[in-house]
Protein backbone atom coordinates (compact mmCIF):
# COMPACT_ATOMS: atom_id res chain seq x y z
CA UNK A 1 0.00 0.00 0.00
CA UNK A 2 1.37 3.39 -0.91
CA UNK A 3 1.67 6.17 1.68
CA UNK A 4 -0.98 8.18 -0.17
CA UNK A 5 -3.43 5.26 -0.12
CA UNK A 6 -2.77 4.68 3.55
CA UNK A 7 -3.38 8.35 4.36
CA UNK A 8 -6.59 8.39 2.33
CA UNK A 9 -7.86 5.28 4.11
CA UNK A 10 -6.86 6.70 7.49
CA UNK A 11 -8.67 9.97 6.78
CA UNK A 12 -11.71 8.03 5.61
CA UNK A 13 -11.89 6.08 8.84
CA UNK A 14 -10.76 8.61 11.46
CA UNK A 15 -11.52 11.86 9.59
CA UNK A 16 -7.99 13.00 10.48
CA UNK A 17 -4.60 12.63 8.90
CA UNK A 18 -2.28 10.17 10.66
CA UNK A 19 -0.27 13.11 12.04
CA UNK A 20 -3.36 14.90 13.35
CA UNK A 21 -4.60 11.66 14.90
CA UNK A 22 -1.29 11.07 16.66
CA UNK A 23 -1.25 14.68 17.92
CA UNK A 24 -4.81 14.30 19.21
CA UNK A 25 -3.86 11.13 21.09
CA UNK A 26 -0.85 12.89 22.66
CA UNK A 27 -3.07 15.84 23.66
CA UNK A 28 -5.57 13.46 25.27
CA UNK A 29 -2.77 11.73 27.16
CA UNK A 30 -1.35 15.07 28.33
CA UNK A 31 -4.82 16.15 29.45
CA UNK A 32 -5.24 12.93 31.43
CA UNK A 33 -1.90 13.57 33.13
CA UNK A 34 -2.85 17.17 33.92
CA UNK A 35 -6.13 15.96 35.42
CA UNK A 36 -4.52 13.15 37.45
CA UNK A 37 -5.11 13.90 41.14
CA UNK A 38 -1.69 12.47 42.04
CA UNK A 39 0.10 14.70 39.50
CA UNK A 40 2.97 16.72 40.91
CA UNK A 41 4.53 17.60 37.55
CA UNK A 42 4.53 20.97 35.85
CA UNK A 43 2.79 21.68 32.56
CA UNK A 44 6.20 21.77 30.88
CA UNK A 45 7.20 18.38 32.28
CA UNK A 46 3.92 16.85 31.16
CA UNK A 47 4.12 18.41 27.69
CA UNK A 48 7.66 17.16 27.21
CA UNK A 49 6.74 13.69 28.48
CA UNK A 50 4.07 13.50 25.77
CA UNK A 51 6.32 14.61 22.93
CA UNK A 52 5.57 18.33 22.77
CA UNK A 53 8.74 20.39 22.57
CA UNK A 54 7.32 23.81 21.70
CA UNK A 55 5.41 24.98 24.77
CA UNK A 56 3.54 27.80 23.04
CA UNK A 57 2.36 25.44 20.29
CA UNK A 58 1.34 22.88 22.90
CA UNK A 59 -0.63 25.48 24.83
CA UNK A 60 -2.35 26.74 21.67
CA UNK A 61 -3.23 23.25 20.44
CA UNK A 62 -4.43 22.25 23.92
CA UNK A 63 -6.64 25.34 24.19
CA UNK A 64 -8.05 24.74 20.71
CA UNK A 65 -8.82 21.10 21.54
CA UNK A 66 -10.25 21.56 25.04
CA UNK A 67 -11.23 25.22 25.35
CA UNK A 68 -8.99 25.86 28.34
CA UNK A 69 -5.26 26.29 28.85
CA UNK A 70 -3.16 23.41 30.16
CA UNK A 71 -2.19 25.49 33.20
CA UNK A 72 -5.87 26.09 33.98
CA UNK A 73 -6.51 22.34 33.79
CA UNK A 74 -3.63 21.66 36.16
CA UNK A 75 -4.65 24.47 38.51
CA UNK A 76 -8.26 23.24 38.61
CA UNK A 77 -7.01 19.74 39.33
CA UNK A 78 -4.88 20.92 42.22
CA UNK A 79 -7.75 22.98 43.62
CA UNK A 80 -10.15 20.07 43.25
CA UNK A 81 -12.32 21.90 40.71
CA UNK A 82 -13.75 19.82 37.86
CA UNK A 83 -14.13 22.43 35.09
CA UNK A 84 -11.78 21.10 32.41
PDB file of N, CA and C in Angstrom:
ATOM      1  N   UNK A   1       0.855  -1.166   0.000  1.00  0.00           N
ATOM      2  CA  UNK A   1       0.000   0.000   0.000  1.00  0.00           C
ATOM      3  C   UNK A   1       0.904   1.233   0.000  1.00  0.00           C
ATOM      4  N   UNK A   2       0.565   2.176  -0.831  1.00  0.00           N
ATOM      5  CA  UNK A   2       1.365   3.390  -0.913  1.00  0.00           C
ATOM      6  C   UNK A   2       1.034   4.315   0.256  1.00  0.00           C
ATOM      7  N   UNK A   3       1.955   5.214   0.597  1.00  0.00           N
ATOM      8  CA  UNK A   3       1.673   6.168   1.675  1.00  0.00           C
ATOM      9  C   UNK A   3       0.419   6.997   1.406  1.00  0.00           C
ATOM     10  N   UNK A   4       0.207   7.386   0.167  1.00  0.00           N
ATOM     11  CA  UNK A   4      -0.977   8.184  -0.172  1.00  0.00           C
ATOM     12  C   UNK A   4      -2.260   7.373   0.051  1.00  0.00           C
ATOM     13  N   UNK A   5      -2.263   6.116  -0.333  1.00  0.00           N
ATOM     14  CA  UNK A   5      -3.433   5.257  -0.125  1.00  0.00           C
ATOM     15  C   UNK A   5      -3.692   5.062   1.350  1.00  0.00           C
ATOM     16  N   UNK A   6      -2.631   4.851   2.099  1.00  0.00           N
ATOM     17  CA  UNK A   6      -2.765   4.682   3.547  1.00  0.00           C
ATOM     18  C   UNK A   6      -3.350   5.939   4.188  1.00  0.00           C
ATOM     19  N   UNK A   7      -2.853   7.096   3.806  1.00  0.00           N
ATOM     20  CA  UNK A   7      -3.376   8.348   4.362  1.00  0.00           C
ATOM     21  C   UNK A   7      -4.844   8.556   3.989  1.00  0.00           C
ATOM     22  N   UNK A   8      -5.198   8.255   2.762  1.00  0.00           N
ATOM     23  CA  UNK A   8      -6.587   8.395   2.333  1.00  0.00           C
ATOM     24  C   UNK A   8      -7.495   7.461   3.126  1.00  0.00           C
ATOM     25  N   UNK A   9      -7.074   6.231   3.333  1.00  0.00           N
ATOM     26  CA  UNK A   9      -7.864   5.278   4.106  1.00  0.00           C
ATOM     27  C   UNK A   9      -7.972   5.729   5.561  1.00  0.00           C
ATOM     28  N   UNK A  10      -6.881   6.226   6.096  1.00  0.00           N
ATOM     29  CA  UNK A  10      -6.861   6.703   7.485  1.00  0.00           C
ATOM     30  C   UNK A  10      -7.827   7.867   7.659  1.00  0.00           C
ATOM     31  N   UNK A  11      -7.770   8.813   6.739  1.00  0.00           N
ATOM     32  CA  UNK A  11      -8.675   9.966   6.785  1.00  0.00           C
ATOM     33  C   UNK A  11     -10.124   9.535   6.626  1.00  0.00           C
ATOM     34  N   UNK A  12     -10.361   8.532   5.797  1.00  0.00           N
ATOM     35  CA  UNK A  12     -11.714   8.034   5.606  1.00  0.00           C
ATOM     36  C   UNK A  12     -12.282   7.404   6.858  1.00  0.00           C
ATOM     37  N   UNK A  13     -11.432   6.757   7.635  1.00  0.00           N
ATOM     38  CA  UNK A  13     -11.891   6.075   8.844  1.00  0.00           C
ATOM     39  C   UNK A  13     -11.933   7.007  10.048  1.00  0.00           C
ATOM     40  N   UNK A  14     -10.879   7.775  10.266  1.00  0.00           N
ATOM     41  CA  UNK A  14     -10.764   8.614  11.464  1.00  0.00           C
ATOM     42  C   UNK A  14     -11.107  10.078  11.230  1.00  0.00           C
ATOM     43  N   UNK A  15     -11.262  10.468   9.964  1.00  0.00           N
ATOM     44  CA  UNK A  15     -11.523  11.857   9.593  1.00  0.00           C
ATOM     45  C   UNK A  15     -10.393  12.795  10.004  1.00  0.00           C
ATOM     46  N   UNK A  16      -9.205  12.251  10.148  1.00  0.00           N
ATOM     47  CA  UNK A  16      -7.993  13.002  10.481  1.00  0.00           C
ATOM     48  C   UNK A  16      -6.831  12.384   9.720  1.00  0.00           C
ATOM     49  N   UNK A  17      -5.818  13.198   9.464  1.00  0.00           N
ATOM     50  CA  UNK A  17      -4.595  12.632   8.905  1.00  0.00           C
ATOM     51  C   UNK A  17      -3.898  11.825  10.001  1.00  0.00           C
ATOM     52  N   UNK A  18      -2.998  10.928   9.628  1.00  0.00           N
ATOM     53  CA  UNK A  18      -2.283  10.174  10.657  1.00  0.00           C
ATOM     54  C   UNK A  18      -1.551  11.084  11.654  1.00  0.00           C
ATOM     55  N   UNK A  19      -0.970  12.171  11.158  1.00  0.00           N
ATOM     56  CA  UNK A  19      -0.267  13.105  12.041  1.00  0.00           C
ATOM     57  C   UNK A  19      -1.240  13.794  13.002  1.00  0.00           C
ATOM     58  N   UNK A  20      -2.372  14.247  12.487  1.00  0.00           N
ATOM     59  CA  UNK A  20      -3.363  14.904  13.346  1.00  0.00           C
ATOM     60  C   UNK A  20      -3.925  13.923  14.375  1.00  0.00           C
ATOM     61  N   UNK A  21      -4.118  12.680  13.967  1.00  0.00           N
ATOM     62  CA  UNK A  21      -4.603  11.656  14.897  1.00  0.00           C
ATOM     63  C   UNK A  21      -3.598  11.424  16.020  1.00  0.00           C
ATOM     64  N   UNK A  22      -2.335  11.287  15.656  1.00  0.00           N
ATOM     65  CA  UNK A  22      -1.291  11.073  16.662  1.00  0.00           C
ATOM     66  C   UNK A  22      -1.199  12.266  17.610  1.00  0.00           C
ATOM     67  N   UNK A  23      -1.286  13.486  17.079  1.00  0.00           N
ATOM     68  CA  UNK A  23      -1.246  14.680  17.918  1.00  0.00           C
ATOM     69  C   UNK A  23      -2.436  14.691  18.880  1.00  0.00           C
ATOM     70  N   UNK A  24      -3.611  14.337  18.368  1.00  0.00           N
ATOM     71  CA  UNK A  24      -4.814  14.297  19.208  1.00  0.00           C
ATOM     72  C   UNK A  24      -4.646  13.287  20.349  1.00  0.00           C
ATOM     73  N   UNK A  25      -4.072  12.146  20.053  1.00  0.00           N
ATOM     74  CA  UNK A  25      -3.857  11.134  21.085  1.00  0.00           C
ATOM     75  C   UNK A  25      -2.863  11.636  22.141  1.00  0.00           C
ATOM     76  N   UNK A  26      -1.826  12.331  21.699  1.00  0.00           N
ATOM     77  CA  UNK A  26      -0.854  12.885  22.656  1.00  0.00           C
ATOM     78  C   UNK A  26      -1.493  13.984  23.494  1.00  0.00           C
ATOM     79  N   UNK A  27      -2.353  14.810  22.893  1.00  0.00           N
ATOM     80  CA  UNK A  27      -3.070  15.845  23.662  1.00  0.00           C
ATOM     81  C   UNK A  27      -3.994  15.208  24.698  1.00  0.00           C
ATOM     82  N   UNK A  28      -4.689  14.147  24.317  1.00  0.00           N
ATOM     83  CA  UNK A  28      -5.571  13.456  25.265  1.00  0.00           C
ATOM     84  C   UNK A  28      -4.775  12.863  26.424  1.00  0.00           C
ATOM     85  N   UNK A  29      -3.621  12.302  26.113  1.00  0.00           N
ATOM     86  CA  UNK A  29      -2.772  11.728  27.161  1.00  0.00           C
ATOM     87  C   UNK A  29      -2.233  12.825  28.079  1.00  0.00           C
ATOM     88  N   UNK A  30      -1.835  13.946  27.514  1.00  0.00           N
ATOM     89  CA  UNK A  30      -1.348  15.066  28.331  1.00  0.00           C
ATOM     90  C   UNK A  30      -2.473  15.589  29.219  1.00  0.00           C
ATOM     91  N   UNK A  31      -3.673  15.685  28.664  1.00  0.00           N
ATOM     92  CA  UNK A  31      -4.819  16.150  29.453  1.00  0.00           C
ATOM     93  C   UNK A  31      -5.102  15.199  30.615  1.00  0.00           C
ATOM     94  N   UNK A  32      -5.030  13.914  30.354  1.00  0.00           N
ATOM     95  CA  UNK A  32      -5.245  12.933  31.427  1.00  0.00           C
ATOM     96  C   UNK A  32      -4.202  13.105  32.526  1.00  0.00           C
ATOM     97  N   UNK A  33      -2.960  13.358  32.137  1.00  0.00           N
ATOM     98  CA  UNK A  33      -1.901  13.567  33.131  1.00  0.00           C
ATOM     99  C   UNK A  33      -2.145  14.850  33.921  1.00  0.00           C
ATOM    100  N   UNK A  34      -2.569  15.904  33.237  1.00  0.00           N
ATOM    101  CA  UNK A  34      -2.846  17.170  33.920  1.00  0.00           C
ATOM    102  C   UNK A  34      -4.019  17.040  34.885  1.00  0.00           C
ATOM    103  N   UNK A  35      -4.940  16.145  34.582  1.00  0.00           N
ATOM    104  CA  UNK A  35      -6.125  15.956  35.420  1.00  0.00           C
ATOM    105  C   UNK A  35      -5.934  14.885  36.493  1.00  0.00           C
ATOM    106  N   UNK A  36      -4.804  14.207  36.471  1.00  0.00           N
ATOM    107  CA  UNK A  36      -4.524  13.147  37.445  1.00  0.00           C
ATOM    108  C   UNK A  36      -4.375  13.756  38.838  1.00  0.00           C
ATOM    109  N   UNK A  37      -5.177  13.309  39.802  1.00  0.00           N
ATOM    110  CA  UNK A  37      -5.112  13.902  41.140  1.00  0.00           C
ATOM    111  C   UNK A  37      -3.779  13.681  41.849  1.00  0.00           C
ATOM    112  N   UNK A  38      -2.993  12.722  41.407  1.00  0.00           N
ATOM    113  CA  UNK A  38      -1.692  12.474  42.036  1.00  0.00           C
ATOM    114  C   UNK A  38      -0.556  13.211  41.326  1.00  0.00           C
ATOM    115  N   UNK A  39      -0.906  13.998  40.301  1.00  0.00           N
ATOM    116  CA  UNK A  39       0.103  14.703  39.497  1.00  0.00           C
ATOM    117  C   UNK A  39       0.837  15.759  40.318  1.00  0.00           C
ATOM    118  N   UNK A  40       2.140  15.696  40.278  1.00  0.00           N
ATOM    119  CA  UNK A  40       2.965  16.724  40.906  1.00  0.00           C
ATOM    120  C   UNK A  40       3.896  17.374  39.896  1.00  0.00           C
ATOM    121  N   UNK A  41       3.695  17.065  38.621  1.00  0.00           N
ATOM    122  CA  UNK A  41       4.531  17.595  37.546  1.00  0.00           C
ATOM    123  C   UNK A  41       4.030  18.960  37.106  1.00  0.00           C
ATOM    124  N   UNK A  42       4.912  19.685  36.436  1.00  0.00           N
ATOM    125  CA  UNK A  42       4.528  20.972  35.855  1.00  0.00           C
ATOM    126  C   UNK A  42       3.942  20.740  34.469  1.00  0.00           C
ATOM    127  N   UNK A  43       3.321  21.762  33.920  1.00  0.00           N
ATOM    128  CA  UNK A  43       2.792  21.682  32.563  1.00  0.00           C
ATOM    129  C   UNK A  43       3.928  21.368  31.596  1.00  0.00           C
ATOM    130  N   UNK A  44       5.057  22.012  31.761  1.00  0.00           N
ATOM    131  CA  UNK A  44       6.203  21.774  30.877  1.00  0.00           C
ATOM    132  C   UNK A  44       6.656  20.322  30.943  1.00  0.00           C
ATOM    133  N   UNK A  45       6.780  19.774  32.138  1.00  0.00           N
ATOM    134  CA  UNK A  45       7.199  18.379  32.284  1.00  0.00           C
ATOM    135  C   UNK A  45       6.217  17.429  31.604  1.00  0.00           C
ATOM    136  N   UNK A  46       4.940  17.695  31.769  1.00  0.00           N
ATOM    137  CA  UNK A  46       3.920  16.847  31.157  1.00  0.00           C
ATOM    138  C   UNK A  46       3.947  16.974  29.641  1.00  0.00           C
ATOM    139  N   UNK A  47       4.059  18.193  29.147  1.00  0.00           N
ATOM    140  CA  UNK A  47       4.116  18.405  27.694  1.00  0.00           C
ATOM    141  C   UNK A  47       5.320  17.674  27.095  1.00  0.00           C
ATOM    142  N   UNK A  48       6.461  17.829  27.703  1.00  0.00           N
ATOM    143  CA  UNK A  48       7.661  17.158  27.205  1.00  0.00           C
ATOM    144  C   UNK A  48       7.525  15.640  27.261  1.00  0.00           C
ATOM    145  N   UNK A  49       6.925  15.126  28.328  1.00  0.00           N
ATOM    146  CA  UNK A  49       6.739  13.686  28.476  1.00  0.00           C
ATOM    147  C   UNK A  49       5.830  13.110  27.394  1.00  0.00           C
ATOM    148  N   UNK A  50       4.991  13.962  26.804  1.00  0.00           N
ATOM    149  CA  UNK A  50       4.069  13.504  25.771  1.00  0.00           C
ATOM    150  C   UNK A  50       4.497  13.952  24.371  1.00  0.00           C
ATOM    151  N   UNK A  51       5.743  14.347  24.240  1.00  0.00           N
ATOM    152  CA  UNK A  51       6.317  14.612  22.929  1.00  0.00           C
ATOM    153  C   UNK A  51       6.140  16.013  22.386  1.00  0.00           C
ATOM    154  N   UNK A  52       5.711  16.940  23.218  1.00  0.00           N
ATOM    155  CA  UNK A  52       5.566  18.330  22.774  1.00  0.00           C
ATOM    156  C   UNK A  52       6.815  19.096  23.203  1.00  0.00           C
ATOM    157  N   UNK A  53       7.503  19.690  22.245  1.00  0.00           N
ATOM    158  CA  UNK A  53       8.744  20.388  22.569  1.00  0.00           C
ATOM    159  C   UNK A  53       8.615  21.903  22.470  1.00  0.00           C
ATOM    160  N   UNK A  54       7.569  22.374  21.811  1.00  0.00           N
ATOM    161  CA  UNK A  54       7.316  23.808  21.704  1.00  0.00           C
ATOM    162  C   UNK A  54       6.151  24.139  22.624  1.00  0.00           C
ATOM    163  N   UNK A  55       6.437  24.757  23.753  1.00  0.00           N
ATOM    164  CA  UNK A  55       5.411  24.983  24.768  1.00  0.00           C
ATOM    165  C   UNK A  55       4.277  25.887  24.292  1.00  0.00           C
ATOM    166  N   UNK A  56       4.611  26.906  23.512  1.00  0.00           N
ATOM    167  CA  UNK A  56       3.543  27.802  23.044  1.00  0.00           C
ATOM    168  C   UNK A  56       2.624  27.083  22.063  1.00  0.00           C
ATOM    169  N   UNK A  57       3.186  26.228  21.209  1.00  0.00           N
ATOM    170  CA  UNK A  57       2.356  25.441  20.293  1.00  0.00           C
ATOM    171  C   UNK A  57       1.497  24.452  21.065  1.00  0.00           C
ATOM    172  N   UNK A  58       2.109  23.811  22.064  1.00  0.00           N
ATOM    173  CA  UNK A  58       1.344  22.879  22.895  1.00  0.00           C
ATOM    174  C   UNK A  58       0.168  23.592  23.547  1.00  0.00           C
ATOM    175  N   UNK A  59       0.427  24.735  24.145  1.00  0.00           N
ATOM    176  CA  UNK A  59      -0.632  25.479  24.828  1.00  0.00           C
ATOM    177  C   UNK A  59      -1.738  25.883  23.852  1.00  0.00           C
ATOM    178  N   UNK A  60      -1.358  26.331  22.669  1.00  0.00           N
ATOM    179  CA  UNK A  60      -2.349  26.744  21.668  1.00  0.00           C
ATOM    180  C   UNK A  60      -3.170  25.550  21.181  1.00  0.00           C
ATOM    181  N   UNK A  61      -2.514  24.441  20.902  1.00  0.00           N
ATOM    182  CA  UNK A  61      -3.226  23.251  20.442  1.00  0.00           C
ATOM    183  C   UNK A  61      -4.121  22.690  21.544  1.00  0.00           C
ATOM    184  N   UNK A  62      -3.649  22.730  22.779  1.00  0.00           N
ATOM    185  CA  UNK A  62      -4.426  22.254  23.917  1.00  0.00           C
ATOM    186  C   UNK A  62      -5.684  23.123  24.086  1.00  0.00           C
ATOM    187  N   UNK A  63      -5.497  24.426  24.039  1.00  0.00           N
ATOM    188  CA  UNK A  63      -6.639  25.339  24.185  1.00  0.00           C
ATOM    189  C   UNK A  63      -7.637  25.137  23.054  1.00  0.00           C
ATOM    190  N   UNK A  64      -7.154  24.955  21.840  1.00  0.00           N
ATOM    191  CA  UNK A  64      -8.047  24.743  20.709  1.00  0.00           C
ATOM    192  C   UNK A  64      -8.824  23.434  20.880  1.00  0.00           C
ATOM    193  N   UNK A  65      -8.173  22.407  21.388  1.00  0.00           N
ATOM    194  CA  UNK A  65      -8.823  21.102  21.536  1.00  0.00           C
ATOM    195  C   UNK A  65      -9.810  21.062  22.703  1.00  0.00           C
ATOM    196  N   UNK A  66      -9.474  21.732  23.813  1.00  0.00           N
ATOM    197  CA  UNK A  66     -10.249  21.558  25.041  1.00  0.00           C
ATOM    198  C   UNK A  66     -10.884  22.837  25.580  1.00  0.00           C
ATOM    199  N   UNK A  67     -10.593  23.976  24.948  1.00  0.00           N
ATOM    200  CA  UNK A  67     -11.230  25.225  25.351  1.00  0.00           C
ATOM    201  C   UNK A  67     -10.706  25.832  26.633  1.00  0.00           C
ATOM    202  N   UNK A  68      -9.597  25.359  27.110  1.00  0.00           N
ATOM    203  CA  UNK A  68      -8.988  25.855  28.338  1.00  0.00           C
ATOM    204  C   UNK A  68      -7.480  25.647  28.224  1.00  0.00           C
ATOM    205  N   UNK A  69      -6.705  26.444  28.927  1.00  0.00           N
ATOM    206  CA  UNK A  69      -5.256  26.290  28.848  1.00  0.00           C
ATOM    207  C   UNK A  69      -4.805  25.091  29.691  1.00  0.00           C
ATOM    208  N   UNK A  70      -3.656  24.524  29.356  1.00  0.00           N
ATOM    209  CA  UNK A  70      -3.158  23.414  30.163  1.00  0.00           C
ATOM    210  C   UNK A  70      -2.898  23.829  31.612  1.00  0.00           C
ATOM    211  N   UNK A  71      -2.433  25.046  31.820  1.00  0.00           N
ATOM    212  CA  UNK A  71      -2.187  25.493  33.195  1.00  0.00           C
ATOM    213  C   UNK A  71      -3.488  25.624  33.974  1.00  0.00           C
ATOM    214  N   UNK A  72      -4.568  26.037  33.308  1.00  0.00           N
ATOM    215  CA  UNK A  72      -5.871  26.091  33.980  1.00  0.00           C
ATOM    216  C   UNK A  72      -6.355  24.693  34.355  1.00  0.00           C
ATOM    217  N   UNK A  73      -6.125  23.729  33.479  1.00  0.00           N
ATOM    218  CA  UNK A  73      -6.508  22.342  33.792  1.00  0.00           C
ATOM    219  C   UNK A  73      -5.743  21.861  35.013  1.00  0.00           C
ATOM    220  N   UNK A  74      -4.442  22.100  35.027  1.00  0.00           N
ATOM    221  CA  UNK A  74      -3.626  21.663  36.155  1.00  0.00           C
ATOM    222  C   UNK A  74      -4.033  22.393  37.431  1.00  0.00           C
ATOM    223  N   UNK A  75      -4.245  23.679  37.346  1.00  0.00           N
ATOM    224  CA  UNK A  75      -4.647  24.473  38.514  1.00  0.00           C
ATOM    225  C   UNK A  75      -5.989  23.978  39.059  1.00  0.00           C
ATOM    226  N   UNK A  76      -6.952  23.743  38.182  1.00  0.00           N
ATOM    227  CA  UNK A  76      -8.258  23.241  38.609  1.00  0.00           C
ATOM    228  C   UNK A  76      -8.119  21.885  39.297  1.00  0.00           C
ATOM    229  N   UNK A  77      -7.255  21.053  38.744  1.00  0.00           N
ATOM    230  CA  UNK A  77      -7.009  19.736  39.330  1.00  0.00           C
ATOM    231  C   UNK A  77      -6.458  19.872  40.739  1.00  0.00           C
ATOM    232  N   UNK A  78      -5.511  20.755  40.910  1.00  0.00           N
ATOM    233  CA  UNK A  78      -4.883  20.922  42.225  1.00  0.00           C
ATOM    234  C   UNK A  78      -5.816  21.572  43.228  1.00  0.00           C
ATOM    235  N   UNK A  79      -6.773  22.354  42.733  1.00  0.00           N
ATOM    236  CA  UNK A  79      -7.750  22.981  43.619  1.00  0.00           C
ATOM    237  C   UNK A  79      -8.971  22.103  43.845  1.00  0.00           C
ATOM    238  N   UNK A  80      -9.020  20.979  43.121  1.00  0.00           N
ATOM    239  CA  UNK A  80     -10.149  20.075  43.252  1.00  0.00           C
ATOM    240  C   UNK A  80     -11.385  20.524  42.499  1.00  0.00           C
ATOM    241  N   UNK A  81     -11.208  21.410  41.524  1.00  0.00           N
ATOM    242  CA  UNK A  81     -12.321  21.897  40.707  1.00  0.00           C
ATOM    243  C   UNK A  81     -12.399  21.024  39.460  1.00  0.00           C
ATOM    244  N   UNK A  82     -13.592  20.684  39.029  1.00  0.00           N
ATOM    245  CA  UNK A  82     -13.747  19.820  37.856  1.00  0.00           C
ATOM    246  C   UNK A  82     -14.341  20.590  36.695  1.00  0.00           C
ATOM    247  N   UNK A  83     -13.631  21.608  36.190  1.00  0.00           N
ATOM    248  CA  UNK A  83     -14.131  22.433  35.091  1.00  0.00           C
ATOM    249  C   UNK A  83     -13.579  22.008  33.753  1.00  0.00           C
ATOM    250  N   UNK A  84     -12.402  21.398  33.716  1.00  0.00           N
ATOM    251  CA  UNK A  84     -11.780  21.101  32.414  1.00  0.00           C
ATOM    252  C   UNK A  84     -11.719  19.627  32.154  1.00  0.00           C
TER     253      UNK A  84
END
